[in-house]
């Protein structure tokens, strides 16, 4: 189970890096004032999706899944 949580931590860290890159590009290369609104929406969506990923990930019965995969 520790391996699965390490995999989730890796996924979320890569997701955060990607999100920060998108936000930086929006703020740097956008020529409109709506970029700040889009940035706020993107941050909110990213946080909500990360919370859902953690919640759904914790619902998986990893011991049963491993037993099923080994049989």
N, C-alpha and C. Protein backbone atom coordinates (compact mmCIF):
# COMPACT_ATOMS: atom_id res chain seq x y z
N UNK A 1 0.82 -1.20 0.00
CA UNK A 1 0.00 0.00 0.00
C UNK A 1 0.86 1.26 0.00
N UNK A 2 2.03 1.17 0.61
CA UNK A 2 2.93 2.31 0.62
C UNK A 2 3.36 2.68 -0.79
N UNK A 3 3.56 1.65 -1.62
CA UNK A 3 3.93 1.90 -3.00
C UNK A 3 2.84 2.68 -3.73
N UNK A 4 1.60 2.35 -3.47
CA UNK A 4 0.50 3.04 -4.15
C UNK A 4 0.42 4.50 -3.72
N UNK A 5 0.63 4.77 -2.44
CA UNK A 5 0.60 6.17 -1.99
C UNK A 5 1.79 6.95 -2.53
N UNK A 6 2.93 6.28 -2.68
CA UNK A 6 4.09 6.94 -3.29
C UNK A 6 3.80 7.26 -4.75
N UNK A 7 3.11 6.35 -5.45
CA UNK A 7 2.72 6.59 -6.83
C UNK A 7 1.75 7.78 -6.92
N UNK A 8 0.80 7.87 -5.98
CA UNK A 8 -0.12 8.99 -5.96
C UNK A 8 0.61 10.30 -5.68
N UNK A 9 1.56 10.28 -4.77
CA UNK A 9 2.34 11.48 -4.47
C UNK A 9 3.14 11.93 -5.70
N UNK A 10 3.70 10.98 -6.42
CA UNK A 10 4.42 11.31 -7.66
C UNK A 10 3.47 11.91 -8.68
N UNK A 11 2.30 11.29 -8.85
CA UNK A 11 1.32 11.81 -9.80
C UNK A 11 0.88 13.22 -9.43
N UNK A 12 0.58 13.45 -8.16
CA UNK A 12 0.12 14.78 -7.75
C UNK A 12 1.22 15.83 -7.86
N UNK A 13 2.48 15.44 -7.62
CA UNK A 13 3.56 16.41 -7.78
C UNK A 13 3.76 16.77 -9.25
N UNK A 14 3.66 15.79 -10.14
CA UNK A 14 3.75 16.08 -11.58
C UNK A 14 2.56 16.92 -12.04
N UNK A 15 1.39 16.64 -11.48
CA UNK A 15 0.19 17.42 -11.79
C UNK A 15 0.35 18.86 -11.32
N UNK A 16 0.96 19.06 -10.16
CA UNK A 16 1.19 20.41 -9.65
C UNK A 16 2.20 21.16 -10.53
N UNK A 17 3.23 20.47 -10.97
CA UNK A 17 4.22 21.10 -11.86
C UNK A 17 3.58 21.52 -13.17
N UNK A 18 2.77 20.64 -13.74
CA UNK A 18 2.06 20.97 -14.98
C UNK A 18 1.11 22.15 -14.76
N UNK A 19 0.39 22.14 -13.66
CA UNK A 19 -0.54 23.23 -13.37
C UNK A 19 0.19 24.56 -13.20
N UNK A 20 1.29 24.54 -12.50
CA UNK A 20 2.07 25.76 -12.32
C UNK A 20 2.62 26.27 -13.66
N UNK A 21 3.00 25.37 -14.55
CA UNK A 21 3.48 25.78 -15.86
C UNK A 21 2.36 26.44 -16.67
N UNK A 22 1.16 25.87 -16.61
CA UNK A 22 0.03 26.46 -17.32
C UNK A 22 -0.30 27.84 -16.76
N UNK A 23 -0.31 27.96 -15.45
CA UNK A 23 -0.61 29.25 -14.81
C UNK A 23 0.46 30.28 -15.17
N UNK A 24 1.73 29.88 -15.15
CA UNK A 24 2.80 30.82 -15.48
C UNK A 24 2.67 31.28 -16.93
N UNK A 25 2.36 30.36 -17.84
CA UNK A 25 2.20 30.75 -19.24
C UNK A 25 0.99 31.65 -19.43
N UNK A 26 -0.08 31.37 -18.73
CA UNK A 26 -1.26 32.24 -18.84
C UNK A 26 -0.95 33.65 -18.37
N UNK A 27 -0.27 33.76 -17.25
CA UNK A 27 0.03 35.09 -16.71
C UNK A 27 1.09 35.81 -17.52
N UNK A 28 2.00 35.09 -18.13
CA UNK A 28 3.09 35.72 -18.88
C UNK A 28 2.68 36.11 -20.29
N UNK A 29 2.00 35.23 -20.99
CA UNK A 29 1.75 35.44 -22.41
C UNK A 29 0.32 35.87 -22.75
N UNK A 30 -0.51 36.06 -21.75
CA UNK A 30 -1.87 36.49 -22.03
C UNK A 30 -1.91 38.01 -22.14
N UNK A 31 -2.65 38.49 -23.12
CA UNK A 31 -2.74 39.93 -23.34
C UNK A 31 -4.07 40.50 -22.89
N UNK A 32 -4.90 39.69 -22.23
CA UNK A 32 -6.20 40.17 -21.80
C UNK A 32 -6.29 40.14 -20.27
N UNK A 33 -7.26 40.86 -19.77
CA UNK A 33 -7.48 40.87 -18.32
C UNK A 33 -8.21 39.62 -17.86
N UNK A 34 -8.79 38.89 -18.78
CA UNK A 34 -9.51 37.68 -18.40
C UNK A 34 -8.57 36.55 -18.00
N UNK A 35 -7.27 36.73 -18.20
CA UNK A 35 -6.31 35.69 -17.82
C UNK A 35 -6.34 35.44 -16.32
N UNK A 36 -6.55 36.48 -15.54
CA UNK A 36 -6.61 36.29 -14.09
C UNK A 36 -7.84 35.47 -13.70
N UNK A 37 -8.96 35.67 -14.38
CA UNK A 37 -10.15 34.88 -14.11
C UNK A 37 -9.93 33.43 -14.50
N UNK A 38 -9.32 33.22 -15.65
CA UNK A 38 -9.03 31.86 -16.11
C UNK A 38 -8.04 31.18 -15.17
N UNK A 39 -7.05 31.94 -14.69
CA UNK A 39 -6.08 31.39 -13.76
C UNK A 39 -6.75 30.95 -12.47
N UNK A 40 -7.63 31.78 -11.94
CA UNK A 40 -8.34 31.42 -10.69
C UNK A 40 -9.21 30.18 -10.90
N UNK A 41 -9.91 30.13 -12.02
CA UNK A 41 -10.73 28.96 -12.32
C UNK A 41 -9.87 27.71 -12.45
N UNK A 42 -8.72 27.83 -13.13
CA UNK A 42 -7.84 26.69 -13.32
C UNK A 42 -7.29 26.19 -11.99
N UNK A 43 -6.91 27.12 -11.11
CA UNK A 43 -6.40 26.73 -9.80
C UNK A 43 -7.48 26.02 -8.99
N UNK A 44 -8.68 26.57 -9.00
CA UNK A 44 -9.78 25.95 -8.28
C UNK A 44 -10.08 24.55 -8.83
N UNK A 45 -10.12 24.42 -10.15
CA UNK A 45 -10.38 23.11 -10.77
C UNK A 45 -9.26 22.12 -10.44
N UNK A 46 -8.02 22.58 -10.44
CA UNK A 46 -6.89 21.70 -10.14
C UNK A 46 -6.95 21.22 -8.69
N UNK A 47 -7.30 22.10 -7.78
CA UNK A 47 -7.40 21.70 -6.37
C UNK A 47 -8.54 20.72 -6.17
N UNK A 48 -9.69 20.98 -6.79
CA UNK A 48 -10.83 20.08 -6.66
C UNK A 48 -10.50 18.71 -7.24
N UNK A 49 -9.87 18.66 -8.40
CA UNK A 49 -9.50 17.39 -9.00
C UNK A 49 -8.46 16.64 -8.16
N UNK A 50 -7.53 17.36 -7.55
CA UNK A 50 -6.54 16.71 -6.69
C UNK A 50 -7.21 16.12 -5.45
N UNK A 51 -8.16 16.84 -4.87
CA UNK A 51 -8.89 16.31 -3.71
C UNK A 51 -9.68 15.07 -4.10
N UNK A 52 -10.36 15.11 -5.24
CA UNK A 52 -11.09 13.94 -5.71
C UNK A 52 -10.15 12.76 -5.96
N UNK A 53 -8.98 13.03 -6.50
CA UNK A 53 -8.02 11.95 -6.74
C UNK A 53 -7.61 11.29 -5.44
N UNK A 54 -7.36 12.08 -4.41
CA UNK A 54 -6.98 11.53 -3.10
C UNK A 54 -8.13 10.75 -2.50
N UNK A 55 -9.34 11.30 -2.57
CA UNK A 55 -10.50 10.62 -1.99
C UNK A 55 -10.78 9.29 -2.69
N UNK A 56 -10.80 9.29 -4.01
CA UNK A 56 -11.07 8.06 -4.74
C UNK A 56 -9.94 7.05 -4.58
N UNK A 57 -8.73 7.54 -4.52
CA UNK A 57 -7.57 6.67 -4.36
C UNK A 57 -7.60 5.96 -3.01
N UNK A 58 -8.06 6.66 -1.98
CA UNK A 58 -8.10 6.05 -0.65
C UNK A 58 -9.24 5.04 -0.52
N UNK A 59 -10.19 5.04 -1.44
CA UNK A 59 -11.31 4.09 -1.39
C UNK A 59 -10.95 2.73 -1.99
N UNK A 60 -9.84 2.63 -2.67
CA UNK A 60 -9.45 1.38 -3.32
C UNK A 60 -8.91 0.41 -2.27
N UNK A 61 -9.37 -0.81 -2.31
CA UNK A 61 -8.87 -1.85 -1.43
C UNK A 61 -7.63 -2.46 -2.09
N UNK A 62 -6.47 -1.96 -1.71
CA UNK A 62 -5.23 -2.33 -2.40
C UNK A 62 -4.84 -3.78 -2.12
N UNK A 63 -5.12 -4.30 -0.93
CA UNK A 63 -4.78 -5.69 -0.62
C UNK A 63 -5.57 -6.64 -1.50
N UNK A 64 -6.86 -6.38 -1.66
CA UNK A 64 -7.68 -7.23 -2.52
C UNK A 64 -7.26 -7.12 -3.98
N UNK A 65 -6.92 -5.93 -4.41
CA UNK A 65 -6.47 -5.73 -5.78
C UNK A 65 -5.17 -6.47 -6.06
N UNK A 66 -4.24 -6.46 -5.09
CA UNK A 66 -2.99 -7.20 -5.25
C UNK A 66 -3.22 -8.70 -5.28
N UNK A 67 -4.13 -9.18 -4.44
CA UNK A 67 -4.44 -10.61 -4.45
C UNK A 67 -5.07 -11.02 -5.78
N UNK A 68 -5.93 -10.19 -6.30
CA UNK A 68 -6.56 -10.47 -7.59
C UNK A 68 -5.52 -10.47 -8.72
N UNK A 69 -4.58 -9.53 -8.66
CA UNK A 69 -3.56 -9.43 -9.70
C UNK A 69 -2.60 -10.61 -9.66
N UNK A 70 -2.34 -11.14 -8.48
CA UNK A 70 -1.39 -12.26 -8.34
C UNK A 70 -2.02 -13.59 -8.70
N UNK A 71 -3.32 -13.70 -8.67
CA UNK A 71 -3.96 -14.98 -8.97
C UNK A 71 -4.22 -15.16 -10.45
